[in-house]
Protein backbone atom coordinates (compact mmCIF):
# COMPACT_ATOMS: atom_id res chain seq x y z
CA MET A 1 0.00 0.00 0.00
CA ASN A 2 1.18 3.52 -0.80
CA PHE A 3 -0.20 5.38 2.20
CA LEU A 4 0.31 8.89 0.85
CA ALA A 5 -1.02 8.08 -2.63
CA GLU A 6 -4.11 6.50 -1.05
CA LEU A 7 -4.66 9.54 1.14
CA MET A 8 -4.25 12.00 -1.72
CA GLU A 9 -6.53 10.05 -4.07
CA SER A 10 -9.29 9.73 -1.48
CA THR A 11 -9.32 13.48 -0.70
CA LYS A 12 -9.16 14.89 -4.23
CA GLU A 13 -12.85 15.90 -4.20
CA LEU A 14 -12.51 17.86 -0.96
CA GLU A 15 -11.82 21.57 -0.69
CA PRO A 16 -8.71 21.77 1.56
CA PRO A 17 -5.54 22.56 -0.43
CA ARG A 18 -3.79 19.43 -1.68
CA SER A 19 -0.57 20.27 0.14
CA PHE A 20 -2.42 20.31 3.46
CA TRP A 21 -3.45 16.66 3.00
CA TYR A 22 0.05 15.74 1.80
CA TRP A 23 1.88 17.20 4.79
CA SER A 24 -0.74 16.03 7.30
CA GLY A 25 -0.19 12.52 5.97
CA LEU A 26 3.58 12.79 6.40
CA THR A 27 3.06 14.12 9.92
CA ALA A 28 0.84 11.18 10.85
CA ILE A 29 3.61 8.80 9.75
CA SER A 30 6.12 10.80 11.78
CA ALA A 31 3.94 10.57 14.88
CA VAL A 32 3.57 6.77 14.82
CA VAL A 33 7.16 5.80 14.04
CA MET A 34 8.51 8.15 16.73
CA ASP A 35 12.19 7.38 17.36
CA ASN A 36 11.89 3.68 16.52
CA VAL A 37 13.58 4.23 13.17
CA TRP A 38 16.43 6.53 12.20
CA LEU A 39 18.90 7.42 9.49
CA PRO A 40 22.61 7.05 10.36
CA ARG A 41 24.52 10.32 9.84
CA GLY A 42 28.28 10.60 9.80
CA GLU A 43 29.20 6.92 9.77
CA MET A 44 32.68 6.19 11.11
CA LYS A 45 35.18 4.37 8.91
CA ASP A 46 35.70 0.71 9.93
CA SER A 47 33.20 1.14 12.78
CA LYS A 48 29.49 0.85 13.47
CA GLU A 49 29.57 4.15 15.34
CA VAL A 50 27.80 7.17 13.83
CA TYR A 51 28.05 10.89 14.51
CA PHE A 52 24.32 10.98 15.26
CA LYS A 53 21.03 9.31 14.47
CA MET A 54 18.50 11.39 12.54
CA PHE A 55 14.90 10.71 13.53
CA PRO A 56 11.91 11.46 11.27
CA ASN A 57 9.98 13.71 13.65
CA ILE A 58 8.79 16.94 12.01
CA TYR A 59 6.98 20.15 12.89
CA VAL A 60 4.42 21.26 10.29
CA MET A 61 2.35 24.45 10.20
CA LEU A 62 -0.53 24.87 7.75
CA HIS A 63 -0.76 28.61 7.06
CA ALA A 64 -3.79 30.04 5.26
CA ASP A 65 -6.55 32.61 5.58
CA SER A 66 -9.38 31.89 7.96
CA GLY A 67 -11.99 29.61 6.37
CA LEU A 68 -9.61 27.93 3.93
CA LYS A 69 -10.33 24.48 5.37
CA LYS A 70 -7.19 23.94 7.45
CA GLY A 71 -9.03 21.90 10.09
CA PRO A 72 -10.01 18.70 8.19
CA PRO A 73 -6.43 17.58 7.33
CA VAL A 74 -5.33 18.16 10.93
CA ALA A 75 -8.37 16.30 12.26
CA LEU A 76 -7.76 13.34 9.93
CA ALA A 77 -4.11 13.02 10.94
CA LYS A 78 -5.05 13.18 14.60
CA ASP A 79 -7.74 10.52 14.19
CA LEU A 80 -5.41 8.15 12.34
CA VAL A 81 -2.73 8.48 15.01
CA ARG A 82 -5.35 7.98 17.71
CA ARG A 83 -6.44 4.71 16.08
CA VAL A 84 -2.84 3.43 16.17
CA ASN A 85 -2.64 4.23 19.90
CA CYS A 86 1.15 4.24 20.19
CA THR A 87 1.90 7.84 21.12
CA LYS A 88 0.32 10.50 23.33
CA ILE A 89 -1.88 12.96 21.47
CA ILE A 90 -1.96 16.49 22.84
CA SER A 91 -4.73 18.65 21.48
CA GLY A 92 -6.99 21.34 22.84
CA ARG A 93 -5.59 24.16 24.98
CA SER A 94 -2.50 23.38 27.07
CA SER A 95 0.35 25.13 28.79
CA ILE A 96 3.91 24.11 28.05
CA GLN A 97 4.06 22.83 31.66
CA ALA A 98 1.05 20.58 31.04
CA ILE A 99 2.60 19.28 27.83
CA LEU A 100 5.86 18.41 29.59
CA LYS A 101 3.95 16.77 32.42
CA GLU A 102 1.98 14.67 29.94
CA LEU A 103 5.19 13.69 28.15
CA GLY A 104 6.72 12.52 31.42
CA THR A 105 3.69 10.55 32.64
CA SER A 106 3.60 6.79 32.15
CA SER A 107 0.42 5.14 30.91
CA THR A 108 -0.91 1.59 30.75
CA GLU A 109 -1.71 -0.02 27.42
CA PRO A 110 -4.36 -2.73 26.94
CA GLY A 111 -2.96 -5.92 28.45
CA GLY A 112 -1.20 -4.12 31.28
CA LYS A 113 1.96 -3.06 29.43
CA ILE A 114 3.45 0.16 30.81
CA LYS A 115 4.13 2.85 28.20
CA ASN A 116 6.74 5.27 29.52
CA LYS A 117 8.20 6.67 26.29
CA SER A 118 8.25 10.50 26.25
CA ALA A 119 6.64 10.69 22.82
CA ALA A 120 3.84 13.01 21.78
CA PHE A 121 1.87 14.23 18.80
CA ILE A 122 0.79 17.86 19.26
CA ALA A 123 -2.11 18.56 16.90
CA SER A 124 -4.26 21.66 16.70
CA SER A 125 -6.31 23.40 14.03
CA GLU A 126 -5.38 26.77 15.61
CA PHE A 127 -1.90 27.03 17.05
CA SER A 128 -2.37 30.29 18.92
CA SER A 129 -5.24 28.87 20.97
CA SER A 130 -3.59 25.51 21.63
CA ILE A 131 -0.68 26.66 23.79
CA VAL A 132 -1.16 29.10 26.65
CA GLU A 133 1.08 32.11 26.03
CA ASP A 134 4.41 31.58 27.73
CA ARG A 135 7.77 33.10 26.79
CA ALA A 136 9.44 29.74 27.30
CA ALA A 137 6.98 27.66 25.22
CA MET A 138 8.54 28.05 21.76
CA THR A 139 12.06 27.79 23.14
CA ILE A 140 11.24 24.46 24.79
CA LEU A 141 9.49 23.13 21.68
CA THR A 142 12.56 24.18 19.67
CA ASP A 143 14.82 22.17 21.98
CA LEU A 144 12.54 19.13 21.97
CA TYR A 145 12.57 19.03 18.16
CA ASP A 146 16.23 18.06 18.13
CA ARG A 147 15.77 14.50 19.34
CA HIS A 148 19.20 13.47 18.05
CA TRP A 149 20.83 15.75 20.61
CA ASN A 150 18.46 14.69 23.40
CA GLU A 151 19.46 11.09 24.03
CA GLY A 152 18.69 9.91 27.55
CA ASP A 153 17.19 12.21 30.17
CA TRP A 154 15.96 15.69 29.30
CA ARG A 155 15.30 17.96 32.26
CA SER A 156 13.52 21.28 32.61
CA LEU A 157 12.68 23.49 35.57
CA LEU A 158 9.62 25.66 35.10
CA LYS A 159 7.73 27.56 37.79
CA MET A 160 9.11 25.39 40.55
CA GLU A 161 8.31 22.16 38.72
CA ILE A 162 11.02 19.81 37.50
CA PHE A 163 10.25 17.78 34.39
CA SER A 164 12.41 14.81 33.49
CA LEU A 165 11.75 13.14 30.16
CA LYS A 166 13.28 9.97 28.77
CA ASP A 167 14.39 10.22 25.13
CA PRO A 168 11.74 12.84 24.23
CA ILE A 169 10.39 12.76 20.68
CA VAL A 170 7.75 15.27 19.55
CA THR A 171 5.83 15.61 16.28
CA LEU A 172 3.73 18.72 15.74
CA LEU A 173 0.94 19.55 13.28
CA VAL A 174 -0.78 22.91 13.70
CA ALA A 175 -2.69 25.38 11.59
CA THR A 176 -2.94 29.14 11.76
CA ASN A 177 -3.75 32.27 9.77
CA ALA A 178 -1.69 35.41 9.22
CA ALA A 179 -3.34 37.44 12.00
CA HIS A 180 -2.88 34.78 14.67
CA PHE A 181 0.62 33.97 13.45
CA ASP A 182 1.75 37.59 13.71
CA ASP A 183 0.19 37.92 17.15
CA PHE A 184 1.52 34.65 18.59
CA ILE A 185 4.94 34.17 16.98
CA GLY A 186 7.54 36.67 18.19
CA LEU A 187 10.82 37.82 16.71
CA LYS A 188 12.78 35.51 19.02
CA ASP A 189 10.82 32.52 17.68
CA VAL A 190 11.60 33.54 14.09
CA ASN A 191 15.29 34.23 14.66
CA GLY A 192 15.74 31.73 17.50
CA GLY A 193 15.26 28.59 15.42
CA PHE A 194 11.62 27.62 16.00
CA ILE A 195 10.47 28.68 12.53
CA GLY A 196 13.69 27.31 11.03
CA ARG A 197 12.63 23.87 12.23
CA MET A 198 9.06 24.27 10.98
CA PHE A 199 7.74 23.13 7.61
CA MET A 200 5.60 26.14 6.64
CA ILE A 201 2.86 25.11 4.20
CA VAL A 202 1.34 28.31 2.82
CA GLU A 203 -1.75 28.28 0.60
CA ARG A 204 -4.05 31.00 -0.72
CA GLU A 205 -6.87 29.03 -2.38
CA THR A 206 -8.94 25.91 -1.88
CA SER A 207 -8.20 22.90 -4.05
CA VAL A 208 -11.68 22.65 -5.57
CA LEU A 209 -15.13 24.06 -4.96
CA ASN A 210 -17.45 21.47 -3.49
CA PRO A 211 -20.59 22.35 -1.48
CA LEU A 212 -20.88 18.65 -0.51
CA ILE A 213 -24.42 18.36 -1.82
CA ASN A 214 -23.81 15.58 -4.33
CA GLU A 215 -22.41 12.19 -3.48
CA LEU A 216 -18.64 11.78 -3.29
CA GLU A 217 -16.90 9.08 -5.26
CA MET A 218 -14.71 8.30 -2.26
CA VAL A 219 -13.67 9.45 1.18
CA PRO A 220 -10.57 8.46 3.17
CA ASN A 221 -10.74 4.85 4.33
CA ARG A 222 -9.62 5.57 7.86
CA GLU A 223 -9.44 1.96 8.94
CA LYS A 224 -7.25 1.01 5.97
CA LEU A 225 -4.98 4.02 6.45
CA ALA A 226 -4.71 3.42 10.20
CA ASN A 227 -3.87 -0.26 9.69
CA TYR A 228 -0.90 0.71 7.55
CA LEU A 229 0.23 3.15 10.21
CA LYS A 230 -0.06 0.35 12.78
CA THR A 231 2.36 -1.67 10.67
CA LEU A 232 4.77 1.26 10.55
CA SER A 233 4.56 1.67 14.32
CA THR A 234 6.09 -1.81 14.78
CA LEU A 235 9.22 -1.03 12.76
CA LYS A 236 12.49 -0.72 14.66
CA GLY A 237 16.03 -0.04 13.50
CA PRO A 238 18.05 2.08 11.09
CA PHE A 239 17.39 3.00 7.50
CA GLN A 240 19.85 1.57 5.02
CA SER A 241 22.95 3.77 4.80
CA LEU A 242 22.91 6.30 1.98
CA ARG A 243 26.62 5.82 1.42
CA GLY A 244 27.32 4.79 -2.19
CA THR A 245 23.65 4.62 -3.18
CA PRO A 246 21.98 6.53 -6.06
CA ALA A 247 19.86 8.40 -3.50
CA GLY A 248 22.94 9.22 -1.43
CA ASN A 249 24.84 10.43 -4.49
CA LEU A 250 21.87 12.59 -5.52
CA TYR A 251 21.69 14.14 -2.06
CA HIS A 252 25.46 14.69 -1.88
CA ASN A 253 25.55 16.46 -5.24
CA TRP A 254 22.49 18.55 -4.39
CA TYR A 255 23.96 19.47 -0.98
CA MET A 256 27.33 20.59 -2.34
CA ASP A 257 25.77 22.61 -5.16
CA PHE A 258 23.10 24.19 -2.94
CA TYR A 259 25.40 25.35 -0.16
CA GLU A 260 28.11 26.46 -2.59
CA GLN A 261 25.49 28.74 -4.14
CA ILE A 262 24.49 29.94 -0.66
CA LYS A 263 28.10 30.92 0.04
CA LYS A 264 28.73 32.38 -3.40
CA GLN A 265 25.58 34.50 -3.37
CA HIS A 266 25.93 35.48 0.33
CA VAL A 267 22.38 34.36 1.08
CA LYS A 268 21.23 35.53 4.51
CA ASP A 269 18.41 33.73 6.28
CA ASP A 270 17.55 34.94 9.77
CA THR A 271 15.07 32.11 10.33
CA GLY A 272 17.68 29.35 10.03
CA THR A 273 15.52 27.51 7.47
CA ILE A 274 18.30 27.31 4.89
CA GLN A 275 20.93 26.23 7.41
CA ARG A 276 18.75 23.25 8.39
CA PHE A 277 17.50 22.59 4.89
CA GLY A 278 19.65 19.52 4.28
CA ASP A 279 18.41 17.80 7.41
CA SER A 280 14.82 18.71 6.54
CA ILE A 281 15.13 16.97 3.18
CA LEU A 282 16.42 13.78 4.80
CA LYS A 283 13.54 13.73 7.28
CA VAL A 284 11.02 14.07 4.46
CA ALA A 285 12.83 11.39 2.44
CA MET A 286 12.49 8.98 5.37
CA LEU A 287 8.77 9.70 5.70
CA LEU A 288 8.16 9.34 1.96
CA SER A 289 9.95 6.00 2.00
CA LEU A 290 7.81 4.86 4.93
CA SER A 291 4.65 5.96 3.10
CA ARG A 292 5.47 3.48 0.32
CA ASP A 293 6.80 0.40 2.11
CA THR A 294 8.53 -0.90 5.21
CA SER A 295 11.93 -1.59 3.65
CA LEU A 296 13.68 1.32 5.41
CA ILE A 297 15.39 2.13 2.12
CA ILE A 298 15.43 5.58 0.50
CA ASP A 299 15.63 5.24 -3.27
CA GLU A 300 16.56 7.89 -5.82
CA PRO A 301 13.00 8.90 -6.87
CA THR A 302 12.08 9.31 -3.19
CA MET A 303 15.08 11.55 -2.55
CA HIS A 304 14.26 13.57 -5.64
CA GLU A 305 10.68 14.12 -4.43
CA ALA A 306 11.92 15.13 -0.97
CA ILE A 307 14.25 17.73 -2.47
CA SER A 308 11.54 19.04 -4.78
CA GLN A 309 8.91 19.30 -2.03
CA CYS A 310 11.25 21.03 0.41
CA GLU A 311 12.60 23.54 -2.11
CA ARG A 312 9.09 24.91 -2.46
CA LEU A 313 8.97 25.80 1.22
CA ILE A 314 11.81 28.32 1.51
CA SER A 315 9.76 31.18 0.07
CA SER A 316 6.82 30.12 2.28
CA ALA A 317 8.91 30.63 5.42
CA ARG A 318 10.04 34.01 4.17
CA GLN A 319 6.53 35.16 3.25
CA THR A 320 5.15 34.33 6.68
CA THR A 321 8.00 35.94 8.64
CA ILE A 322 8.68 39.03 6.55
CA GLY A 323 6.80 41.29 8.98
CA LYS A 324 8.89 40.00 11.89
CA LYS A 325 12.10 41.19 10.28
CA GLY A 326 10.98 44.70 9.39
CA LYS A 327 10.39 46.03 5.92
CA ALA A 328 11.98 43.74 3.36
CA SER A 329 14.90 45.11 1.39
CA ASN A 330 15.70 43.88 -2.10
CA ILE A 331 18.96 45.82 -2.39
CA HIS A 332 21.10 42.68 -2.19
CA LEU A 333 19.05 40.92 -4.89
CA LYS A 334 19.12 44.03 -7.10
CA ASN A 335 22.90 44.17 -6.85
CA LEU A 336 23.20 40.48 -7.68
CA ILE A 337 21.06 40.84 -10.81
CA LEU A 338 22.88 43.94 -12.02
CA GLU A 339 26.26 42.27 -11.48
CA GLU A 340 24.99 39.17 -13.29
CA LEU A 341 23.98 41.20 -16.34
CA ARG A 342 27.09 43.40 -16.25
CA THR A 343 29.55 40.51 -16.23
CA ARG A 344 27.58 37.97 -18.23
CA GLU A 345 28.28 37.79 -21.95
CA PRO A 346 26.45 39.03 -23.94
CA HIS A 347 24.81 40.91 -21.01
CA MET A 348 21.50 39.08 -21.17
CA ILE A 349 19.63 36.41 -19.22
CA SER A 350 16.28 34.70 -19.65
CA HIS A 351 13.55 34.97 -17.05
CA GLU A 352 13.76 31.21 -16.47
CA GLN A 353 17.53 31.35 -15.92
CA LEU A 354 17.14 34.28 -13.53
CA THR A 355 14.46 32.63 -11.38
CA LYS A 356 16.35 29.33 -11.28
CA LYS A 357 19.60 30.97 -10.17
CA TYR A 358 18.25 33.45 -7.62
CA TRP A 359 15.10 31.77 -6.26
CA MET A 360 16.56 31.74 -2.74
CA HIS A 361 16.68 35.54 -2.65
CA TYR A 362 13.08 36.60 -3.25
CA ASP A 363 9.83 36.00 -1.42
CA SER A 364 7.60 35.84 -4.50
CA LEU A 365 7.74 36.10 -8.28
CA THR A 366 5.81 39.36 -7.92
CA ALA A 367 8.70 40.86 -5.95
CA LEU A 368 11.17 39.77 -8.64
CA SER A 369 8.95 41.15 -11.40
CA ASP A 370 8.73 44.50 -9.60
CA ILE A 371 12.54 44.68 -9.52
CA MET A 372 12.83 43.99 -13.24
CA ILE A 373 10.13 46.56 -14.04
CA GLY A 374 12.06 49.11 -12.00
CA PHE A 375 15.26 48.30 -13.90
CA HIS A 376 13.40 48.70 -17.19
CA ASP A 377 11.93 52.06 -16.21
CA ALA A 378 15.40 53.26 -15.16
CA GLY A 379 16.87 52.26 -18.52
CA LEU A 380 19.10 49.57 -17.01
CA ILE A 381 17.55 46.72 -18.98
CA LYS A 382 15.43 46.01 -22.01
CA VAL A 383 12.82 43.25 -22.03
CA GLU A 384 12.31 41.17 -25.16
CA ASN A 385 10.05 38.25 -26.02
CA ARG A 386 11.89 35.69 -28.12
CA GLY A 387 9.21 33.23 -28.98
CA SER A 388 7.86 32.03 -25.65
CA VAL A 389 11.03 33.09 -23.79
CA VAL A 390 11.30 36.39 -21.89
CA VAL A 391 14.83 37.80 -22.04
CA TYR A 392 16.37 40.64 -20.02
CA ILE A 393 19.15 42.57 -21.81
CA MET A 394 21.45 45.23 -20.37
CA PRO A 395 22.20 47.92 -23.02
CA ASP A 396 25.84 48.78 -23.79
CA LEU A 397 25.48 52.25 -22.28
CA ALA A 398 24.24 50.80 -18.98
CA VAL A 399 27.08 48.26 -18.99
CA GLU A 400 29.63 51.04 -19.56
CA LYS A 401 28.24 53.20 -16.75
CA LEU A 402 28.20 50.27 -14.31
CA ASN A 403 31.76 49.34 -15.30
CA GLN A 404 32.87 52.89 -14.58
CA PHE A 405 31.00 52.89 -11.27
CA MET A 406 32.51 49.57 -10.21
CA ALA A 407 35.99 50.69 -11.22
CA GLY A 408 35.65 53.78 -9.08
CA LYS A 409 34.11 51.80 -6.24
CA ARG A 410 37.05 49.39 -6.23
CA GLY A 411 39.58 52.19 -6.44
CA ASP A 412 41.04 50.96 -9.75
């Protein structure tokens, strides 16, 4: 069974954005496998030791206007995890103290088995109303995300209460809108790593229009989906090493190229999303593999999908946090584009080439278009349509003036 394909097919007639179902499905898988499976990172030569184990827990936030049907995907994921009954589900309104207390409390499973794992699935259709406002809440959730650095006991002292958790592992699926996000998420949460660890799924429109008057061809088969998740919950052990595999080679090449471009283009990301981007891709690759089978093997198509899905999310994180960082400035991007056209022979670049090379620097295609319109109005570029291709050309006079300016700027 392909869990994610089944979920997506059975919800195609429903209004919530497709990406909301997709990421809710991945989060449900994350919640049931907990820390039972992992990907070895930094394997030692001639040894079974590894630098650390990467676990597939993720934090996902569905971000859309009020009324855009964020609740149903969250509710479905929560119900599926509840049916598996292997991890604590925390929903409703809670304080961070109550969440930690719940994480540290043992429970008895049917048959008398004691469940003392500090594992939880935090699920809420409105994030701002799910956690009582507390300056420490996001900081603690940020720390708990990094399960690979929290082996053994994790201790916290809050308001005279000591919480001791054993190998804590937390998965989070929440939804919010722009107004609640801006009110609830502070600058320290944006720049302090919480948002950098969050998969921000931003949508503006429903998938389809459906008043739910006529009969549906299908709805999610919750029992079938939950049974597959139950199978996943029994898995234990490491994923196959990526070393020397097609998927590993793909990831290695992507990683080196991506971060070389980050260095070369001096990309600045206050949220930390880009710095953690490589790890995020591997987490998604694990979950995609688990959605398809129980082999604990990441193949090349799965890695490719993980990279593709995650690359879409960088601009989402920037769009949702732009107000937290003050008015956005495009000066750096403008300079990059002008330098590209000045030094590139024959001083032209297509729109496709431009967006592909500098996609990490802008929040939306509208912002990029506004820059190019400004350049055109200032006489710095000409815009031509060559067939179906839009081309930006820097005239010789503009090239000469920029060369003179740069020569003076460098003191030549």
